[in-house]
Amino acid sequence: MNNNKKRLENKTYIFLSAIIFSTLGVSMIHMSFNEIFNFIRNIEIEERSVNFSRSSIALTSGSILFILFSCYSLVALIRDKKFSKETNKVTLKIFFIIFFTSIISPYPVSYYLEKVALENGYKYSDKLSQSWLYDKNYVYIK
């Protein structure tokens, strides 16, 4: 195969997309960890009510996907050539595994956080909790 066909085109767009995706990924990680840490901190200081959202847990896995995409793009940019088909297949499998994890992970994590709340004397409030499509906001009160 000719080496020119393997060279990257649109390097500016690749670089900009890598910056945007990594910024979004880091922001998403910050938001999701912040919500989980606030939930645990509020339990420790014995707030009257505590809550967390299932979507914030999914953000963690999704953010990893964004950051992985950014790294993949930056490595291609540094190498200044396209990846092989084998590398693309492996990377695509990793992307799908992380995507699947982002859909599944909120369930066991929310189960664990519910267990933490119940062990600390909180009760689930169906009246205050909200759900919409995939997302659910869990509210626990003392």
N, C-alpha and C. Protein backbone atom coordinates (compact mmCIF):
# COMPACT_ATOMS: atom_id res chain seq x y z
N MET A 1 0.84 -1.18 0.00
CA MET A 1 0.00 0.00 0.00
C MET A 1 0.88 1.24 0.00
N ASN A 2 0.47 2.21 -0.74
CA ASN A 2 1.21 3.46 -0.83
C ASN A 2 1.18 4.18 0.51
N ASN A 3 2.32 4.70 0.92
CA ASN A 3 2.43 5.38 2.22
C ASN A 3 1.58 6.65 2.28
N ASN A 4 1.37 7.30 1.13
CA ASN A 4 0.57 8.52 1.12
C ASN A 4 -0.89 8.25 1.46
N LYS A 5 -1.39 7.07 1.14
CA LYS A 5 -2.77 6.73 1.46
C LYS A 5 -2.97 6.52 2.96
N LYS A 6 -1.92 6.20 3.66
CA LYS A 6 -2.01 5.96 5.09
C LYS A 6 -1.86 7.25 5.90
N ARG A 7 -1.46 8.33 5.26
CA ARG A 7 -1.27 9.59 5.97
C ARG A 7 -2.62 10.20 6.32
N LEU A 8 -2.62 10.93 7.40
CA LEU A 8 -3.85 11.55 7.87
C LEU A 8 -4.19 12.81 7.08
N GLU A 9 -5.47 13.02 6.92
CA GLU A 9 -5.96 14.25 6.34
C GLU A 9 -6.73 15.00 7.43
N ASN A 10 -6.96 16.26 7.23
CA ASN A 10 -7.74 17.08 8.17
C ASN A 10 -7.17 17.04 9.59
N LYS A 11 -5.90 17.26 9.72
CA LYS A 11 -5.24 17.20 11.03
C LYS A 11 -5.80 18.22 12.00
N THR A 12 -6.19 19.37 11.50
CA THR A 12 -6.75 20.41 12.37
C THR A 12 -8.04 19.91 13.01
N TYR A 13 -8.90 19.28 12.21
CA TYR A 13 -10.17 18.77 12.74
C TYR A 13 -9.95 17.63 13.73
N ILE A 14 -8.98 16.80 13.46
CA ILE A 14 -8.66 15.71 14.38
C ILE A 14 -8.18 16.28 15.71
N PHE A 15 -7.31 17.27 15.64
CA PHE A 15 -6.79 17.89 16.86
C PHE A 15 -7.91 18.58 17.65
N LEU A 16 -8.74 19.35 16.96
CA LEU A 16 -9.84 20.05 17.63
C LEU A 16 -10.83 19.07 18.26
N SER A 17 -11.15 17.99 17.54
CA SER A 17 -12.08 17.00 18.11
C SER A 17 -11.47 16.31 19.31
N ALA A 18 -10.17 16.05 19.28
CA ALA A 18 -9.51 15.43 20.44
C ALA A 18 -9.56 16.36 21.64
N ILE A 19 -9.33 17.65 21.43
CA ILE A 19 -9.39 18.62 22.52
C ILE A 19 -10.81 18.71 23.07
N ILE A 20 -11.79 18.79 22.18
CA ILE A 20 -13.19 18.90 22.62
C ILE A 20 -13.62 17.66 23.38
N PHE A 21 -13.32 16.47 22.85
CA PHE A 21 -13.73 15.24 23.51
C PHE A 21 -13.02 15.04 24.85
N SER A 22 -11.74 15.40 24.93
CA SER A 22 -11.05 15.25 26.21
C SER A 22 -11.58 16.25 27.23
N THR A 23 -11.90 17.47 26.80
CA THR A 23 -12.48 18.45 27.72
C THR A 23 -13.84 17.99 28.21
N LEU A 24 -14.67 17.50 27.30
CA LEU A 24 -15.97 16.97 27.70
C LEU A 24 -15.82 15.78 28.64
N GLY A 25 -14.88 14.90 28.33
CA GLY A 25 -14.66 13.72 29.16
C GLY A 25 -14.25 14.07 30.57
N VAL A 26 -13.31 14.99 30.70
CA VAL A 26 -12.86 15.41 32.04
C VAL A 26 -14.00 16.11 32.79
N SER A 27 -14.77 16.93 32.09
CA SER A 27 -15.91 17.60 32.73
C SER A 27 -16.95 16.59 33.20
N MET A 28 -17.21 15.58 32.39
CA MET A 28 -18.19 14.55 32.76
C MET A 28 -17.72 13.75 33.97
N ILE A 29 -16.43 13.42 34.01
CA ILE A 29 -15.90 12.71 35.17
C ILE A 29 -16.04 13.56 36.42
N HIS A 30 -15.72 14.84 36.30
CA HIS A 30 -15.82 15.75 37.44
C HIS A 30 -17.27 15.81 37.94
N MET A 31 -18.22 15.95 37.03
CA MET A 31 -19.63 16.05 37.43
C MET A 31 -20.11 14.78 38.11
N SER A 32 -19.77 13.62 37.56
CA SER A 32 -20.27 12.37 38.13
C SER A 32 -19.64 12.07 39.48
N PHE A 33 -18.31 12.25 39.59
CA PHE A 33 -17.67 12.01 40.88
C PHE A 33 -18.13 13.02 41.92
N ASN A 34 -18.35 14.24 41.50
CA ASN A 34 -18.82 15.27 42.41
C ASN A 34 -20.18 14.89 43.01
N GLU A 35 -21.08 14.37 42.18
CA GLU A 35 -22.39 13.98 42.70
C GLU A 35 -22.29 12.81 43.67
N ILE A 36 -21.48 11.82 43.35
CA ILE A 36 -21.33 10.66 44.23
C ILE A 36 -20.65 11.07 45.54
N PHE A 37 -19.60 11.90 45.46
CA PHE A 37 -18.93 12.36 46.68
C PHE A 37 -19.85 13.21 47.54
N ASN A 38 -20.67 14.05 46.91
CA ASN A 38 -21.63 14.85 47.67
C ASN A 38 -22.66 13.96 48.37
N PHE A 39 -23.08 12.91 47.70
CA PHE A 39 -24.02 11.97 48.30
C PHE A 39 -23.43 11.35 49.56
N ILE A 40 -22.20 10.87 49.46
CA ILE A 40 -21.54 10.23 50.61
C ILE A 40 -21.24 11.26 51.70
N ARG A 41 -20.78 12.45 51.31
CA ARG A 41 -20.50 13.50 52.29
C ARG A 41 -21.77 13.91 53.03
N ASN A 42 -22.88 14.04 52.31
CA ASN A 42 -24.14 14.40 52.95
C ASN A 42 -24.62 13.33 53.93
N ILE A 43 -24.32 12.08 53.64
CA ILE A 43 -24.64 11.02 54.60
C ILE A 43 -23.77 11.16 55.84
N GLU A 44 -22.48 11.45 55.63
CA GLU A 44 -21.56 11.58 56.77
C GLU A 44 -21.93 12.75 57.68
N ILE A 45 -22.39 13.85 57.11
CA ILE A 45 -22.77 14.99 57.96
C ILE A 45 -24.25 14.93 58.35
N GLU A 46 -24.88 13.82 58.03
CA GLU A 46 -26.26 13.50 58.42
C GLU A 46 -27.28 14.55 57.98
N GLU A 47 -27.24 14.86 56.71
CA GLU A 47 -28.26 15.74 56.12
C GLU A 47 -29.61 15.06 56.24
N ARG A 48 -30.68 15.85 56.23
CA ARG A 48 -32.03 15.28 56.35
C ARG A 48 -32.42 14.49 55.11
N SER A 49 -31.92 14.91 53.95
CA SER A 49 -32.20 14.16 52.73
C SER A 49 -30.93 14.12 51.87
N VAL A 50 -30.77 13.02 51.17
CA VAL A 50 -29.65 12.85 50.25
C VAL A 50 -30.19 12.30 48.94
N ASN A 51 -29.50 12.61 47.85
CA ASN A 51 -29.97 12.10 46.56
C ASN A 51 -28.80 11.88 45.61
N PHE A 52 -29.04 11.03 44.62
CA PHE A 52 -28.10 10.85 43.51
C PHE A 52 -28.90 10.44 42.29
N SER A 53 -28.30 10.63 41.15
CA SER A 53 -28.96 10.36 39.88
C SER A 53 -28.25 9.21 39.17
N ARG A 54 -29.04 8.35 38.56
CA ARG A 54 -28.47 7.23 37.82
C ARG A 54 -27.65 7.72 36.63
N SER A 55 -28.06 8.81 36.03
CA SER A 55 -27.33 9.32 34.86
C SER A 55 -25.93 9.79 35.20
N SER A 56 -25.73 10.27 36.42
CA SER A 56 -24.38 10.71 36.80
C SER A 56 -23.42 9.53 36.87
N ILE A 57 -23.93 8.36 37.19
CA ILE A 57 -23.10 7.16 37.22
C ILE A 57 -22.74 6.75 35.79
N ALA A 58 -23.71 6.85 34.89
CA ALA A 58 -23.45 6.52 33.49
C ALA A 58 -22.46 7.50 32.86
N LEU A 59 -22.44 8.72 33.37
CA LEU A 59 -21.50 9.72 32.85
C LEU A 59 -20.05 9.29 33.03
N THR A 60 -19.77 8.56 34.10
CA THR A 60 -18.40 8.13 34.35
C THR A 60 -17.90 7.24 33.22
N SER A 61 -18.67 6.23 32.86
CA SER A 61 -18.25 5.35 31.77
C SER A 61 -18.24 6.07 30.44
N GLY A 62 -19.23 6.92 30.22
CA GLY A 62 -19.27 7.69 28.98
C GLY A 62 -18.08 8.61 28.85
N SER A 63 -17.65 9.18 29.95
CA SER A 63 -16.50 10.08 29.91
C SER A 63 -15.22 9.32 29.58
N ILE A 64 -15.12 8.10 30.06
CA ILE A 64 -13.96 7.27 29.72
C ILE A 64 -13.93 7.02 28.22
N LEU A 65 -15.09 6.82 27.64
CA LEU A 65 -15.19 6.63 26.19
C LEU A 65 -14.72 7.88 25.45
N PHE A 66 -15.12 9.05 25.91
CA PHE A 66 -14.69 10.30 25.29
C PHE A 66 -13.18 10.47 25.38
N ILE A 67 -12.62 10.18 26.54
CA ILE A 67 -11.18 10.35 26.73
C ILE A 67 -10.41 9.33 25.89
N LEU A 68 -10.90 8.10 25.82
CA LEU A 68 -10.26 7.09 24.99
C LEU A 68 -10.27 7.51 23.52
N PHE A 69 -11.40 8.06 23.08
CA PHE A 69 -11.48 8.55 21.70
C PHE A 69 -10.45 9.66 21.46
N SER A 70 -10.30 10.55 22.42
CA SER A 70 -9.32 11.63 22.30
C SER A 70 -7.91 11.09 22.21
N CYS A 71 -7.59 10.14 23.07
CA CYS A 71 -6.24 9.54 23.05
C CYS A 71 -5.99 8.83 21.72
N TYR A 72 -6.98 8.11 21.24
CA TYR A 72 -6.87 7.41 19.96
C TYR A 72 -6.58 8.41 18.84
N SER A 73 -7.30 9.52 18.84
CA SER A 73 -7.10 10.55 17.81
C SER A 73 -5.73 11.20 17.93
N LEU A 74 -5.31 11.49 19.15
CA LEU A 74 -4.01 12.14 19.34
C LEU A 74 -2.85 11.23 18.95
N VAL A 75 -2.97 9.94 19.26
CA VAL A 75 -1.91 9.00 18.86
C VAL A 75 -1.82 8.93 17.34
N ALA A 76 -2.97 8.89 16.68
CA ALA A 76 -2.96 8.89 15.21
C ALA A 76 -2.34 10.17 14.67
N LEU A 77 -2.64 11.27 15.33
CA LEU A 77 -2.09 12.56 14.91
C LEU A 77 -0.58 12.62 15.10
N ILE A 78 -0.10 12.10 16.22
CA ILE A 78 1.34 12.09 16.49
C ILE A 78 2.07 11.18 15.50
N ARG A 79 1.47 10.02 15.23
CA ARG A 79 2.07 9.09 14.27
C ARG A 79 1.98 9.60 12.84
N ASP A 80 1.02 10.47 12.59
CA ASP A 80 0.75 11.04 11.27
C ASP A 80 0.41 9.97 10.23
N LYS A 81 -0.26 8.93 10.67
CA LYS A 81 -0.79 7.95 9.73
C LYS A 81 -1.95 7.21 10.37
N LYS A 82 -2.76 6.61 9.51
CA LYS A 82 -3.94 5.90 9.97
C LYS A 82 -3.54 4.60 10.65
N PHE A 83 -4.42 4.13 11.53
CA PHE A 83 -4.17 2.85 12.19
C PHE A 83 -4.51 1.70 11.24
N SER A 84 -3.95 0.53 11.53
CA SER A 84 -4.23 -0.65 10.72
C SER A 84 -5.65 -1.14 11.00
N LYS A 85 -6.15 -2.00 10.14
CA LYS A 85 -7.50 -2.56 10.33
C LYS A 85 -7.59 -3.36 11.62
N GLU A 86 -6.53 -4.07 11.97
CA GLU A 86 -6.53 -4.86 13.20
C GLU A 86 -6.63 -3.96 14.42
N THR A 87 -5.87 -2.88 14.42
CA THR A 87 -5.92 -1.93 15.53
C THR A 87 -7.31 -1.30 15.63
N ASN A 88 -7.90 -0.96 14.50
CA ASN A 88 -9.25 -0.40 14.50
C ASN A 88 -10.27 -1.38 15.04
N LYS A 89 -10.12 -2.67 14.70
CA LYS A 89 -11.05 -3.68 15.21
C LYS A 89 -10.97 -3.79 16.73
N VAL A 90 -9.75 -3.84 17.25
CA VAL A 90 -9.56 -3.95 18.71
C VAL A 90 -10.11 -2.71 19.40
N THR A 91 -9.82 -1.54 18.85
CA THR A 91 -10.29 -0.29 19.44
C THR A 91 -11.81 -0.22 19.41
N LEU A 92 -12.41 -0.65 18.33
CA LEU A 92 -13.87 -0.66 18.23
C LEU A 92 -14.49 -1.59 19.27
N LYS A 93 -13.87 -2.74 19.49
CA LYS A 93 -14.35 -3.66 20.53
C LYS A 93 -14.27 -3.01 21.91
N ILE A 94 -13.16 -2.31 22.17
CA ILE A 94 -13.01 -1.62 23.45
C ILE A 94 -14.08 -0.54 23.60
N PHE A 95 -14.34 0.21 22.53
CA PHE A 95 -15.39 1.23 22.57
C PHE A 95 -16.74 0.61 22.91
N PHE A 96 -17.08 -0.52 22.27
CA PHE A 96 -18.36 -1.16 22.54
C PHE A 96 -18.45 -1.71 23.96
N ILE A 97 -17.35 -2.23 24.47
CA ILE A 97 -17.35 -2.72 25.86
C ILE A 97 -17.59 -1.57 26.83
N ILE A 98 -16.92 -0.45 26.61
CA ILE A 98 -17.12 0.71 27.49
C ILE A 98 -18.54 1.25 27.34
N PHE A 99 -19.05 1.30 26.12
CA PHE A 99 -20.42 1.76 25.89
C PHE A 99 -21.41 0.86 26.62
N PHE A 100 -21.24 -0.45 26.50
CA PHE A 100 -22.11 -1.40 27.18
C PHE A 100 -22.00 -1.23 28.70
N THR A 101 -20.78 -1.01 29.18
CA THR A 101 -20.56 -0.78 30.61
C THR A 101 -21.28 0.47 31.08
N SER A 102 -21.28 1.51 30.25
CA SER A 102 -21.96 2.75 30.66
C SER A 102 -23.46 2.57 30.77
N ILE A 103 -24.01 1.62 30.04
CA ILE A 103 -25.44 1.34 30.15
C ILE A 103 -25.74 0.47 31.36
N ILE A 104 -24.88 -0.49 31.65
CA ILE A 104 -25.11 -1.45 32.74
C ILE A 104 -24.65 -0.93 34.10
N SER A 105 -23.56 -0.19 34.16
CA SER A 105 -22.95 0.19 35.44
C SER A 105 -23.84 0.96 36.40
N PRO A 106 -24.78 1.79 35.96
CA PRO A 106 -25.59 2.51 36.95
C PRO A 106 -26.40 1.60 37.87
N TYR A 107 -26.75 0.42 37.43
CA TYR A 107 -27.59 -0.45 38.25
C TYR A 107 -26.86 -1.00 39.47
N PRO A 108 -25.69 -1.63 39.32
CA PRO A 108 -25.01 -2.10 40.54
C PRO A 108 -24.51 -0.96 41.42
N VAL A 109 -24.09 0.15 40.82
CA VAL A 109 -23.60 1.28 41.62
C VAL A 109 -24.75 1.90 42.40
N SER A 110 -25.91 2.07 41.77
CA SER A 110 -27.05 2.64 42.49
C SER A 110 -27.53 1.69 43.58
N TYR A 111 -27.42 0.38 43.34
CA TYR A 111 -27.75 -0.59 44.38
C TYR A 111 -26.81 -0.42 45.58
N TYR A 112 -25.52 -0.25 45.31
CA TYR A 112 -24.55 -0.06 46.39
C TYR A 112 -24.81 1.24 47.15
N LEU A 113 -25.06 2.33 46.42
CA LEU A 113 -25.33 3.61 47.08
C LEU A 113 -26.61 3.55 47.90
N GLU A 114 -27.61 2.82 47.41
CA GLU A 114 -28.84 2.63 48.18
C GLU A 114 -28.54 1.87 49.47
N LYS A 115 -27.70 0.86 49.37
CA LYS A 115 -27.31 0.08 50.55
C LYS A 115 -26.62 0.98 51.58
N VAL A 116 -25.74 1.85 51.12
CA VAL A 116 -25.04 2.79 52.02
C VAL A 116 -26.05 3.70 52.71
N ALA A 117 -27.01 4.21 51.96
CA ALA A 117 -28.02 5.11 52.54
C ALA A 117 -28.88 4.38 53.57
N LEU A 118 -29.32 3.19 53.25
CA LEU A 118 -30.18 2.43 54.16
C LEU A 118 -29.43 2.04 55.43
N GLU A 119 -28.16 1.68 55.31
CA GLU A 119 -27.36 1.32 56.48
C GLU A 119 -27.12 2.51 57.41
N ASN A 120 -27.25 3.72 56.88
CA ASN A 120 -27.04 4.92 57.68
C ASN A 120 -28.36 5.55 58.15
N GLY A 121 -29.43 4.78 58.12
CA GLY A 121 -30.70 5.23 58.68
C GLY A 121 -31.59 6.02 57.75
N TYR A 122 -31.29 6.05 56.48
CA TYR A 122 -32.13 6.76 55.52
C TYR A 122 -33.17 5.80 54.95
N LYS A 123 -34.29 6.36 54.52
CA LYS A 123 -35.34 5.57 53.88
C LYS A 123 -35.61 6.15 52.51
N TYR A 124 -35.85 5.26 51.57
CA TYR A 124 -36.14 5.69 50.20
C TYR A 124 -37.47 6.43 50.16
N SER A 125 -37.49 7.57 49.50
CA SER A 125 -38.72 8.36 49.36
C SER A 125 -39.21 8.27 47.93
N ASP A 126 -40.25 7.47 47.74
CA ASP A 126 -40.83 7.33 46.41
C ASP A 126 -41.51 8.62 45.98
N LYS A 127 -42.02 9.35 46.95
CA LYS A 127 -42.72 10.60 46.67
C LYS A 127 -41.76 11.67 46.13
N LEU A 128 -40.57 11.76 46.68
CA LEU A 128 -39.60 12.78 46.27
C LEU A 128 -38.72 12.35 45.10
N SER A 129 -38.58 11.05 44.90
CA SER A 129 -37.75 10.54 43.80
C SER A 129 -38.46 10.76 42.47
N GLN A 130 -37.66 10.95 41.44
CA GLN A 130 -38.21 11.19 40.11
C GLN A 130 -37.54 10.28 39.11
N SER A 131 -38.28 9.94 38.06
CA SER A 131 -37.64 9.19 36.98
C SER A 131 -38.17 9.69 35.65
N TRP A 132 -37.30 9.62 34.66
CA TRP A 132 -37.65 10.03 33.31
C TRP A 132 -36.82 9.20 32.35
N LEU A 133 -37.48 8.44 31.52
CA LEU A 133 -36.84 7.53 30.58
C LEU A 133 -35.82 6.65 31.32
N TYR A 134 -34.55 6.77 30.96
CA TYR A 134 -33.50 5.94 31.55
C TYR A 134 -33.06 6.45 32.91
N ASP A 135 -33.18 7.74 33.12
CA ASP A 135 -32.65 8.36 34.33
C ASP A 135 -33.62 8.21 35.50
N LYS A 136 -33.04 8.11 36.67
CA LYS A 136 -33.83 8.10 37.90
C LYS A 136 -33.04 8.85 38.96
N ASN A 137 -33.73 9.75 39.64
CA ASN A 137 -33.13 10.50 40.73
C ASN A 137 -33.63 9.88 42.04
N TYR A 138 -32.72 9.27 42.78
CA TYR A 138 -33.06 8.60 44.04
C TYR A 138 -32.95 9.59 45.18
N VAL A 139 -34.00 9.68 46.01
CA VAL A 139 -33.99 10.57 47.17
C VAL A 139 -34.23 9.72 48.41
N TYR A 140 -33.38 9.93 49.42
CA TYR A 140 -33.50 9.23 50.70
C TYR A 140 -33.63 10.27 51.80
N ILE A 141 -34.52 10.01 52.75
CA ILE A 141 -34.75 10.95 53.84
C ILE A 141 -34.57 10.25 55.17
N LYS A 142 -34.28 11.05 56.21
CA LYS A 142 -34.16 10.51 57.57
C LYS A 142 -35.44 10.73 58.30
